[in-house]
C-alpha atoms as a PDB file:
ATOM      1  CA  UNK A   1      77.245  46.103  71.926  1.00  0.00           C
ATOM      2  CA  UNK A   2      80.694  46.946  73.238  1.00  0.00           C
ATOM      3  CA  UNK A   3      83.068  49.747  72.358  1.00  0.00           C
ATOM      4  CA  UNK A   4      86.480  48.030  72.706  1.00  0.00           C
ATOM      5  CA  UNK A   5      88.120  51.453  73.064  1.00  0.00           C
ATOM      6  CA  UNK A   6      86.006  52.450  76.082  1.00  0.00           C
ATOM      7  CA  UNK A   7      88.426  54.316  78.308  1.00  0.00           C
ATOM      8  CA  UNK A   8      87.474  52.974  81.747  1.00  0.00           C
ATOM      9  CA  UNK A   9      87.067  49.245  81.078  1.00  0.00           C
ATOM     10  CA  UNK A  10      89.506  46.492  80.136  1.00  0.00           C
ATOM     11  CA  UNK A  11      88.787  43.433  77.983  1.00  0.00           C
ATOM     12  CA  UNK A  12      88.750  41.207  81.054  1.00  0.00           C
ATOM     13  CA  UNK A  13      86.371  43.514  82.886  1.00  0.00           C
ATOM     14  CA  UNK A  14      84.047  43.674  79.873  1.00  0.00           C
ATOM     15  CA  UNK A  15      83.941  39.866  79.806  1.00  0.00           C
ATOM     16  CA  UNK A  16      82.951  39.825  83.494  1.00  0.00           C
ATOM     17  CA  UNK A  17      80.157  42.338  82.835  1.00  0.00           C
ATOM     18  CA  UNK A  18      78.873  40.328  79.872  1.00  0.00           C
ATOM     19  CA  UNK A  19      78.818  37.151  81.960  1.00  0.00           C
ATOM     20  CA  UNK A  20      76.807  38.927  84.652  1.00  0.00           C
ATOM     21  CA  UNK A  21      74.262  40.205  82.119  1.00  0.00           C
ATOM     22  CA  UNK A  22      73.889  36.730  80.613  1.00  0.00           C
ATOM     23  CA  UNK A  23      72.503  35.596  83.950  1.00  0.00           C
ATOM     24  CA  UNK A  24      69.345  37.608  83.208  1.00  0.00           C
ATOM     25  CA  UNK A  25      69.067  37.921  79.422  1.00  0.00           C
ATOM     26  CA  UNK A  26      69.994  36.058  76.252  1.00  0.00           C
ATOM     27  CA  UNK A  27      72.965  38.280  75.414  1.00  0.00           C
ATOM     28  CA  UNK A  28      74.613  38.631  72.004  1.00  0.00           C
ATOM     29  CA  UNK A  29      77.891  40.544  72.295  1.00  0.00           C
ATOM     30  CA  UNK A  30      79.154  42.538  69.303  1.00  0.00           C
ATOM     31  CA  UNK A  31      82.146  44.891  69.318  1.00  0.00           C
ATOM     32  CA  UNK A  32      82.042  48.158  67.415  1.00  0.00           C
ATOM     33  CA  UNK A  33      84.776  48.531  64.801  1.00  0.00           C
ATOM     34  CA  UNK A  34      84.435  52.096  63.519  1.00  0.00           C
ATOM     35  CA  UNK A  35      82.602  55.360  64.013  1.00  0.00           C
ATOM     36  CA  UNK A  36      78.922  54.858  63.159  1.00  0.00           C
ATOM     37  CA  UNK A  37      79.057  51.091  63.676  1.00  0.00           C
ATOM     38  CA  UNK A  38      77.086  51.248  66.933  1.00  0.00           C
ATOM     39  CA  UNK A  39      74.244  53.009  65.109  1.00  0.00           C
ATOM     40  CA  UNK A  40      74.225  50.305  62.420  1.00  0.00           C
ATOM     41  CA  UNK A  41      74.150  47.544  65.033  1.00  0.00           C
ATOM     42  CA  UNK A  42      71.327  49.205  66.972  1.00  0.00           C
ATOM     43  CA  UNK A  43      69.326  49.652  63.774  1.00  0.00           C
ATOM     44  CA  UNK A  44      69.738  45.943  62.998  1.00  0.00           C
ATOM     45  CA  UNK A  45      68.775  44.962  66.555  1.00  0.00           C
ATOM     46  CA  UNK A  46      65.555  46.933  66.219  1.00  0.00           C
ATOM     47  CA  UNK A  47      64.662  45.372  62.879  1.00  0.00           C
ATOM     48  CA  UNK A  48      65.333  41.871  64.236  1.00  0.00           C
ATOM     49  CA  UNK A  49      63.013  42.314  67.204  1.00  0.00           C
ATOM     50  CA  UNK A  50      65.433  42.494  70.122  1.00  0.00           C
ATOM     51  CA  UNK A  51      63.805  43.681  73.347  1.00  0.00           C
ATOM     52  CA  UNK A  52      66.807  45.426  74.897  1.00  0.00           C
ATOM     53  CA  UNK A  53      70.020  46.880  73.476  1.00  0.00           C
ATOM     54  CA  UNK A  54      72.905  47.184  75.944  1.00  0.00           C
ATOM     55  CA  UNK A  55      75.544  49.820  75.153  1.00  0.00           C
ATOM     56  CA  UNK A  56      78.893  49.525  76.937  1.00  0.00           C
ATOM     57  CA  UNK A  57      80.857  52.676  76.221  1.00  0.00           C
ATOM     58  CA  UNK A  58      80.875  56.414  76.641  1.00  0.00           C
ATOM     59  CA  UNK A  59      78.464  59.114  75.579  1.00  0.00           C
ATOM     60  CA  UNK A  60      79.507  58.892  71.934  1.00  0.00           C
ATOM     61  CA  UNK A  61      78.598  55.209  71.818  1.00  0.00           C
ATOM     62  CA  UNK A  62      75.294  55.866  73.574  1.00  0.00           C
ATOM     63  CA  UNK A  63      74.443  58.648  71.117  1.00  0.00           C
ATOM     64  CA  UNK A  64      75.118  56.364  68.150  1.00  0.00           C
ATOM     65  CA  UNK A  65      72.972  53.594  69.632  1.00  0.00           C
ATOM     66  CA  UNK A  66      70.091  56.001  70.270  1.00  0.00           C
ATOM     67  CA  UNK A  67      70.250  57.270  66.699  1.00  0.00           C
ATOM     68  CA  UNK A  68      70.283  53.720  65.383  1.00  0.00           C
ATOM     69  CA  UNK A  69      67.325  52.689  67.515  1.00  0.00           C
ATOM     70  CA  UNK A  70      65.292  55.748  66.503  1.00  0.00           C
ATOM     71  CA  UNK A  71      66.086  55.714  62.786  1.00  0.00           C
ATOM     72  CA  UNK A  72      62.375  55.515  62.000  1.00  0.00           C
ATOM     73  CA  UNK A  73      61.285  57.560  65.013  1.00  0.00           C
ATOM     74  CA  UNK A  74      59.898  56.571  68.424  1.00  0.00           C
ATOM     75  CA  UNK A  75      57.500  53.625  68.615  1.00  0.00           C
ATOM     76  CA  UNK A  76      56.474  50.867  71.003  1.00  0.00           C
ATOM     77  CA  UNK A  77      58.510  48.390  68.919  1.00  0.00           C
ATOM     78  CA  UNK A  78      61.833  50.160  69.534  1.00  0.00           C
ATOM     79  CA  UNK A  79      64.048  48.155  71.936  1.00  0.00           C
ATOM     80  CA  UNK A  80      64.730  49.592  75.363  1.00  0.00           C
ATOM     81  CA  UNK A  81      68.219  50.975  75.969  1.00  0.00           C
ATOM     82  CA  UNK A  82      70.470  49.788  78.790  1.00  0.00           C
ATOM     83  CA  UNK A  83      73.787  51.549  79.392  1.00  0.00           C
ATOM     84  CA  UNK A  84      76.955  50.323  81.079  1.00  0.00           C
ATOM     85  CA  UNK A  85      79.199  53.401  81.522  1.00  0.00           C
ATOM     86  CA  UNK A  86      82.626  52.933  79.960  1.00  0.00           C
ATOM     87  CA  UNK A  87      83.712  56.430  78.928  1.00  0.00           C
ATOM     88  CA  UNK A  88      85.549  59.227  80.667  1.00  0.00           C
ATOM     89  CA  UNK A  89      82.500  61.296  81.716  1.00  0.00           C
ATOM     90  CA  UNK A  90      79.385  59.146  81.077  1.00  0.00           C
ATOM     91  CA  UNK A  91      76.997  62.083  81.337  1.00  0.00           C
ATOM     92  CA  UNK A  92      73.931  60.210  80.069  1.00  0.00           C
ATOM     93  CA  UNK A  93      74.432  57.170  82.308  1.00  0.00           C
ATOM     94  CA  UNK A  94      74.865  59.362  85.375  1.00  0.00           C
ATOM     95  CA  UNK A  95      71.902  61.562  84.396  1.00  0.00           C
ATOM     96  CA  UNK A  96      69.537  58.577  84.418  1.00  0.00           C
ATOM     97  CA  UNK A  97      70.816  57.589  87.849  1.00  0.00           C
ATOM     98  CA  UNK A  98      73.425  54.910  87.185  1.00  0.00           C
ATOM     99  CA  UNK A  99      76.584  54.660  89.318  1.00  0.00           C
ATOM    100  CA  UNK A 100      79.852  55.727  87.689  1.00  0.00           C
ATOM    101  CA  UNK A 101      81.495  52.338  88.210  1.00  0.00           C
ATOM    102  CA  UNK A 102      80.617  49.836  85.424  1.00  0.00           C
ATOM    103  CA  UNK A 103      80.268  46.914  87.847  1.00  0.00           C
ATOM    104  CA  UNK A 104      77.965  48.842  90.165  1.00  0.00           C
ATOM    105  CA  UNK A 105      75.970  50.053  87.163  1.00  0.00           C
ATOM    106  CA  UNK A 106      75.622  46.500  85.872  1.00  0.00           C
ATOM    107  CA  UNK A 107      74.285  45.443  89.256  1.00  0.00           C
ATOM    108  CA  UNK A 108      71.590  48.144  88.999  1.00  0.00           C
ATOM    109  CA  UNK A 109      70.734  47.012  85.461  1.00  0.00           C
ATOM    110  CA  UNK A 110      70.448  43.374  86.510  1.00  0.00           C
ATOM    111  CA  UNK A 111      67.910  44.304  89.168  1.00  0.00           C
ATOM    112  CA  UNK A 112      65.982  46.458  86.675  1.00  0.00           C
ATOM    113  CA  UNK A 113      65.980  43.638  84.098  1.00  0.00           C
ATOM    114  CA  UNK A 114      64.684  41.165  86.666  1.00  0.00           C
ATOM    115  CA  UNK A 115      61.868  43.552  87.550  1.00  0.00           C
ATOM    116  CA  UNK A 116      61.217  44.610  83.908  1.00  0.00           C
ATOM    117  CA  UNK A 117      61.775  48.180  85.054  1.00  0.00           C
ATOM    118  CA  UNK A 118      62.081  50.937  82.441  1.00  0.00           C
ATOM    119  CA  UNK A 119      61.656  54.687  82.247  1.00  0.00           C
ATOM    120  CA  UNK A 120      60.529  56.681  79.215  1.00  0.00           C
ATOM    121  CA  UNK A 121      62.497  59.867  78.587  1.00  0.00           C
ATOM    122  CA  UNK A 122      62.350  62.815  76.231  1.00  0.00           C
ATOM    123  CA  UNK A 123      65.193  63.572  73.829  1.00  0.00           C
ATOM    124  CA  UNK A 124      66.345  66.435  71.641  1.00  0.00           C
ATOM    125  CA  UNK A 125      66.674  66.422  67.874  1.00  0.00           C
ATOM    126  CA  UNK A 126      68.773  68.606  65.584  1.00  0.00           C
ATOM    127  CA  UNK A 127      69.688  68.319  61.894  1.00  0.00           C
ATOM    128  CA  UNK A 128      68.100  64.878  61.806  1.00  0.00           C
ATOM    129  CA  UNK A 129      70.215  63.681  64.722  1.00  0.00           C
ATOM    130  CA  UNK A 130      68.979  62.747  68.193  1.00  0.00           C
ATOM    131  CA  UNK A 131      70.797  63.969  71.282  1.00  0.00           C
ATOM    132  CA  UNK A 132      70.379  62.686  74.811  1.00  0.00           C
ATOM    133  CA  UNK A 133      71.716  65.482  77.006  1.00  0.00           C
ATOM    134  CA  UNK A 134      73.167  68.475  75.160  1.00  0.00           C
ATOM    135  CA  UNK A 135      74.084  70.350  72.010  1.00  0.00           C
ATOM    136  CA  UNK A 136      76.125  73.500  71.664  1.00  0.00           C
ATOM    137  CA  UNK A 137      77.394  76.087  69.214  1.00  0.00           C
ATOM    138  CA  UNK A 138      80.437  78.272  69.683  1.00  0.00           C
ATOM    139  CA  UNK A 139      83.047  78.011  72.423  1.00  0.00           C
ATOM    140  CA  UNK A 140      81.935  74.732  74.011  1.00  0.00           C
ATOM    141  CA  UNK A 141      81.894  72.996  70.610  1.00  0.00           C
ATOM    142  CA  UNK A 142      85.284  74.487  69.762  1.00  0.00           C
ATOM    143  CA  UNK A 143      86.653  72.962  72.970  1.00  0.00           C
ATOM    144  CA  UNK A 144      85.186  69.575  72.012  1.00  0.00           C
ATOM    145  CA  UNK A 145      86.830  69.860  68.589  1.00  0.00           C
ATOM    146  CA  UNK A 146      90.150  70.721  70.229  1.00  0.00           C
ATOM    147  CA  UNK A 147      89.888  67.721  72.592  1.00  0.00           C
ATOM    148  CA  UNK A 148      89.039  65.347  69.743  1.00  0.00           C
ATOM    149  CA  UNK A 149      92.073  66.510  67.780  1.00  0.00           C
ATOM    150  CA  UNK A 150      94.280  66.010  70.838  1.00  0.00           C
ATOM    151  CA  UNK A 151      92.936  62.480  71.278  1.00  0.00           C
ATOM    152  CA  UNK A 152      93.693  61.730  67.629  1.00  0.00           C
ATOM    153  CA  UNK A 153      97.300  62.599  68.443  1.00  0.00           C
ATOM    154  CA  UNK A 154      97.434  60.160  71.344  1.00  0.00           C
ATOM    155  CA  UNK A 155      96.279  62.288  74.263  1.00  0.00           C
ATOM    156  CA  UNK A 156      94.105  60.583  76.890  1.00  0.00           C
ATOM    157  CA  UNK A 157      90.672  62.039  77.573  1.00  0.00           C
ATOM    158  CA  UNK A 158      90.758  63.480  81.082  1.00  0.00           C
ATOM    159  CA  UNK A 159      89.598  66.389  83.200  1.00  0.00           C
ATOM    160  CA  UNK A 160      93.013  67.977  82.716  1.00  0.00           C
ATOM    161  CA  UNK A 161      92.805  67.723  78.922  1.00  0.00           C
ATOM    162  CA  UNK A 162      89.410  69.443  78.905  1.00  0.00           C
ATOM    163  CA  UNK A 163      90.618  72.221  81.205  1.00  0.00           C
ATOM    164  CA  UNK A 164      93.753  72.834  79.145  1.00  0.00           C
ATOM    165  CA  UNK A 165      91.722  72.755  75.939  1.00  0.00           C
ATOM    166  CA  UNK A 166      89.188  75.228  77.337  1.00  0.00           C
ATOM    167  CA  UNK A 167      91.875  77.687  78.421  1.00  0.00           C
ATOM    168  CA  UNK A 168      93.787  77.354  75.156  1.00  0.00           C
ATOM    169  CA  UNK A 169      90.656  77.736  73.028  1.00  0.00           C
ATOM    170  CA  UNK A 170      89.369  80.739  74.972  1.00  0.00           C
ATOM    171  CA  UNK A 171      92.600  82.726  74.839  1.00  0.00           C
ATOM    172  CA  UNK A 172      94.088  81.608  71.520  1.00  0.00           C
ATOM    173  CA  UNK A 173      91.341  80.108  69.365  1.00  0.00           C
ATOM    174  CA  UNK A 174      87.909  81.675  69.800  1.00  0.00           C
ATOM    175  CA  UNK A 175      86.902  84.943  68.155  1.00  0.00           C
ATOM    176  CA  UNK A 176      85.613  86.834  71.213  1.00  0.00           C
ATOM    177  CA  UNK A 177      85.206  90.251  69.601  1.00  0.00           C
ATOM    178  CA  UNK A 178      81.822  89.940  67.886  1.00  0.00           C
ATOM    179  CA  UNK A 179      78.741  87.927  69.006  1.00  0.00           C
ATOM    180  CA  UNK A 180      77.460  86.145  65.900  1.00  0.00           C
ATOM    181  CA  UNK A 181      74.433  84.107  67.007  1.00  0.00           C
ATOM    182  CA  UNK A 182      70.715  84.941  66.900  1.00  0.00           C
ATOM    183  CA  UNK A 183      68.097  82.923  68.803  1.00  0.00           C
ATOM    184  CA  UNK A 184      64.618  82.522  67.323  1.00  0.00           C
ATOM    185  CA  UNK A 185      61.575  80.934  68.979  1.00  0.00           C
ATOM    186  CA  UNK A 186      58.000  80.504  67.776  1.00  0.00           C
ATOM    187  CA  UNK A 187      55.856  83.354  69.100  1.00  0.00           C
ATOM    188  CA  UNK A 188      58.764  85.280  70.597  1.00  0.00           C
ATOM    189  CA  UNK A 189      61.052  88.109  69.538  1.00  0.00           C
ATOM    190  CA  UNK A 190      64.487  87.178  68.244  1.00  0.00           C
ATOM    191  CA  UNK A 191      67.443  87.587  70.588  1.00  0.00           C
ATOM    192  CA  UNK A 192      70.503  88.838  68.714  1.00  0.00           C
ATOM    193  CA  UNK A 193      74.209  89.114  69.395  1.00  0.00           C
ATOM    194  CA  UNK A 194      74.812  85.953  71.395  1.00  0.00           C
ATOM    195  CA  UNK A 195      78.398  84.718  71.624  1.00  0.00           C
ATOM    196  CA  UNK A 196      77.728  81.028  72.358  1.00  0.00           C
ATOM    197  CA  UNK A 197      74.790  78.812  73.283  1.00  0.00           C
ATOM    198  CA  UNK A 198      74.378  75.547  75.159  1.00  0.00           C
ATOM    199  CA  UNK A 199      71.115  73.609  74.811  1.00  0.00           C
ATOM    200  CA  UNK A 200      70.326  70.901  77.353  1.00  0.00           C
ATOM    201  CA  UNK A 201      67.883  68.029  77.443  1.00  0.00           C
ATOM    202  CA  UNK A 202      68.788  67.185  81.030  1.00  0.00           C
ATOM    203  CA  UNK A 203      71.134  68.375  83.757  1.00  0.00           C
ATOM    204  CA  UNK A 204      74.082  68.398  84.305  1.00  0.00           C
ATOM    205  CA  UNK A 205      75.521  69.494  80.968  1.00  0.00           C
ATOM    206  CA  UNK A 206      78.754  67.632  81.735  1.00  0.00           C
ATOM    207  CA  UNK A 207      80.975  66.677  84.665  1.00  0.00           C
ATOM    208  CA  UNK A 208      84.384  67.673  85.939  1.00  0.00           C
ATOM    209  CA  UNK A 209      85.236  64.498  87.811  1.00  0.00           C
ATOM    210  CA  UNK A 210      82.472  64.152  90.376  1.00  0.00           C
ATOM    211  CA  UNK A 211      81.205  67.717  90.046  1.00  0.00           C
ATOM    212  CA  UNK A 212      78.266  68.467  87.796  1.00  0.00           C
ATOM    213  CA  UNK A 213      78.480  71.452  85.444  1.00  0.00           C
ATOM    214  CA  UNK A 214      75.045  73.102  85.326  1.00  0.00           C
ATOM    215  CA  UNK A 215      74.407  75.951  82.880  1.00  0.00           C
ATOM    216  CA  UNK A 216      70.676  75.054  82.957  1.00  0.00           C
ATOM    217  CA  UNK A 217      70.002  73.355  86.296  1.00  0.00           C
ATOM    218  CA  UNK A 218      66.230  73.016  85.643  1.00  0.00           C
ATOM    219  CA  UNK A 219      66.721  70.926  82.497  1.00  0.00           C
ATOM    220  CA  UNK A 220      65.082  67.500  82.692  1.00  0.00           C
ATOM    221  CA  UNK A 221      64.262  64.445  80.591  1.00  0.00           C
ATOM    222  CA  UNK A 222      60.624  65.170  81.501  1.00  0.00           C
ATOM    223  CA  UNK A 223      60.492  68.726  80.107  1.00  0.00           C
ATOM    224  CA  UNK A 224      61.445  70.486  76.871  1.00  0.00           C
ATOM    225  CA  UNK A 225      64.811  71.982  75.997  1.00  0.00           C
ATOM    226  CA  UNK A 226      66.710  74.483  78.126  1.00  0.00           C
ATOM    227  CA  UNK A 227      69.169  77.046  76.781  1.00  0.00           C
ATOM    228  CA  UNK A 228      71.872  79.149  78.327  1.00  0.00           C
ATOM    229  CA  UNK A 229      73.611  81.669  76.081  1.00  0.00           C
ATOM    230  CA  UNK A 230      76.336  84.203  76.753  1.00  0.00           C
ATOM    231  CA  UNK A 231      75.996  87.640  75.187  1.00  0.00           C
ATOM    232  CA  UNK A 232      79.755  88.204  75.382  1.00  0.00           C
ATOM    233  CA  UNK A 233      82.918  86.265  76.229  1.00  0.00           C
ATOM    234  CA  UNK A 234      84.718  88.935  78.221  1.00  0.00           C
ATOM    235  CA  UNK A 235      87.019  87.428  80.830  1.00  0.00           C
ATOM    236  CA  UNK A 236      85.420  88.810  84.058  1.00  0.00           C
ATOM    237  CA  UNK A 237      81.842  87.857  83.118  1.00  0.00           C
ATOM    238  CA  UNK A 238      82.914  84.486  81.684  1.00  0.00           C
ATOM    239  CA  UNK A 239      84.776  83.592  84.876  1.00  0.00           C
ATOM    240  CA  UNK A 240      81.772  84.685  86.956  1.00  0.00           C
ATOM    241  CA  UNK A 241      79.465  82.491  84.867  1.00  0.00           C
ATOM    242  CA  UNK A 242      81.853  79.522  85.160  1.00  0.00           C
ATOM    243  CA  UNK A 243      81.811  79.910  88.954  1.00  0.00           C
ATOM    244  CA  UNK A 244      78.001  80.069  88.955  1.00  0.00           C
ATOM    245  CA  UNK A 245      77.529  76.891  86.919  1.00  0.00           C
ATOM    246  CA  UNK A 246      80.084  75.006  89.035  1.00  0.00           C
ATOM    247  CA  UNK A 247      78.599  76.037  92.378  1.00  0.00           C
ATOM    248  CA  UNK A 248      76.790  73.666  94.697  1.00  0.00           C
ATOM    249  CA  UNK A 249      73.541  75.533  93.974  1.00  0.00           C
ATOM    250  CA  UNK A 250      73.954  76.671  90.358  1.00  0.00           C
ATOM    251  CA  UNK A 251      71.916  79.647  89.159  1.00  0.00           C
ATOM    252  CA  UNK A 252      73.643  81.389  86.237  1.00  0.00           C
ATOM    253  CA  UNK A 253      72.437  84.972  86.009  1.00  0.00           C
ATOM    254  CA  UNK A 254      73.563  88.444  85.043  1.00  0.00           C
ATOM    255  CA  UNK A 255      73.413  90.928  82.181  1.00  0.00           C
ATOM    256  CA  UNK A 256      75.619  88.751  79.979  1.00  0.00           C
ATOM    257  CA  UNK A 257      73.428  85.642  80.313  1.00  0.00           C
ATOM    258  CA  UNK A 258      70.239  84.699  78.467  1.00  0.00           C
ATOM    259  CA  UNK A 259      68.285  81.601  79.502  1.00  0.00           C
ATOM    260  CA  UNK A 260      65.260  79.665  78.234  1.00  0.00           C
ATOM    261  CA  UNK A 261      63.449  76.861  80.085  1.00  0.00           C
ATOM    262  CA  UNK A 262      61.208  74.083  78.725  1.00  0.00           C
ATOM    263  CA  UNK A 263      61.172  75.047  75.035  1.00  0.00           C
ATOM    264  CA  UNK A 264      59.581  72.909  72.330  1.00  0.00           C
ATOM    265  CA  UNK A 265      61.723  74.434  69.586  1.00  0.00           C
ATOM    266  CA  UNK A 266      64.797  76.664  69.356  1.00  0.00           C
ATOM    267  CA  UNK A 267      66.508  78.010  66.233  1.00  0.00           C
ATOM    268  CA  UNK A 268      70.076  79.296  66.355  1.00  0.00           C
ATOM    269  CA  UNK A 269      71.387  81.252  63.368  1.00  0.00           C
ATOM    270  CA  UNK A 270      75.040  82.302  63.045  1.00  0.00           C
ATOM    271  CA  UNK A 271      76.455  84.959  60.745  1.00  0.00           C
ATOM    272  CA  UNK A 272      79.239  82.568  59.729  1.00  0.00           C
ATOM    273  CA  UNK A 273      79.798  78.813  60.203  1.00  0.00           C
ATOM    274  CA  UNK A 274      80.524  78.005  63.849  1.00  0.00           C
ATOM    275  CA  UNK A 275      81.566  74.789  65.566  1.00  0.00           C
ATOM    276  CA  UNK A 276      78.709  72.557  66.760  1.00  0.00           C
ATOM    277  CA  UNK A 277      78.729  69.605  69.165  1.00  0.00           C
ATOM    278  CA  UNK A 278      76.093  67.019  70.019  1.00  0.00           C
ATOM    279  CA  UNK A 279      76.392  64.931  73.211  1.00  0.00           C
ATOM    280  CA  UNK A 280      80.070  65.815  73.355  1.00  0.00           C
ATOM    281  CA  UNK A 281      80.850  64.903  69.718  1.00  0.00           C
ATOM    282  CA  UNK A 282      82.021  67.565  67.269  1.00  0.00           C
ATOM    283  CA  UNK A 283      79.826  67.483  64.136  1.00  0.00           C
ATOM    284  CA  UNK A 284      81.343  70.272  62.042  1.00  0.00           C
ATOM    285  CA  UNK A 285      80.591  73.936  61.445  1.00  0.00           C
ATOM    286  CA  UNK A 286      77.066  75.184  60.708  1.00  0.00           C
ATOM    287  CA  UNK A 287      75.187  78.444  60.304  1.00  0.00           C
ATOM    288  CA  UNK A 288      71.674  77.327  61.310  1.00  0.00           C
ATOM    289  CA  UNK A 289      70.410  74.835  63.869  1.00  0.00           C
ATOM    290  CA  UNK A 290      66.789  73.936  64.529  1.00  0.00           C
ATOM    291  CA  UNK A 291      66.498  72.050  67.810  1.00  0.00           C
ATOM    292  CA  UNK A 292      63.284  70.332  68.852  1.00  0.00           C
ATOM    293  CA  UNK A 293      62.168  68.557  71.997  1.00  0.00           C
ATOM    294  CA  UNK A 294      60.721  65.072  71.467  1.00  0.00           C
ATOM    295  CA  UNK A 295      58.874  63.909  74.615  1.00  0.00           C
ATOM    296  CA  UNK A 296      58.540  60.203  75.466  1.00  0.00           C
ATOM    297  CA  UNK A 297      61.028  59.275  72.772  1.00  0.00           C
ATOM    298  CA  UNK A 298      62.879  56.302  74.295  1.00  0.00           C
ATOM    299  CA  UNK A 299      62.597  53.635  76.985  1.00  0.00           C
ATOM    300  CA  UNK A 300      65.677  53.120  79.138  1.00  0.00           C
ATOM    301  CA  UNK A 301      66.371  50.323  81.602  1.00  0.00           C
ATOM    302  CA  UNK A 302      66.916  51.799  85.056  1.00  0.00           C
END
């Protein structure tokens, strides 16, 4: 399935990619027409016995396809997922090892299809929704919301838009005075007064151009969920944390940071509704999130 609004591919280029894929598989091309359509198409592909679903688009399209494929949960009958990156960041595609360029990525997929090569990965789940690489509550989700609103007004998704949105949200939008989030884990004491939290299913969390952003550098598709939370959003400590997660050898640490590695379940409770994002999509404001790791949830072509 093809997202015709994918930001880094043209109609002509998408036709070339489809022709290349037809050399290896019996390909049925369908364009998405609205939000949620990719999930509907993936659900139908699974019920009709397709062996592979190819998603050409960005992380939002991939997330929809995954949720459509796994409507009834993981099973051996669920089609494998192949991804051709077509968005602005393509975090999931890059995390599984695909090149950034759609043509180069298609070449890798063609080889994998010829060799029947797949990899089974773990995913995260929250509020009945699957996520492939991250979820967040607080500042990062507020930035995503701000970017989405800018795009609705004609702005192009870019590194510059995210940087401007982050700066604007931090200084003029986010309530930085009172940490409102509590973390709960089975068999552990609650951790109170957290200002924001990022949960990862793999690393990096996102990219700034070619640079990975790594709040939880140990996160992996082969382990549980990782969390990095900030206890406060004061400017000096926030800038120090930003530098740590952008470094060549990221290791966020300090009194204002709380981290968890390889968790089966995490519960985040906020004193008031806060912005939440999943795989870079804003999903509204919520007061409680239960996040679970689901190992061996999906086969991907790679």
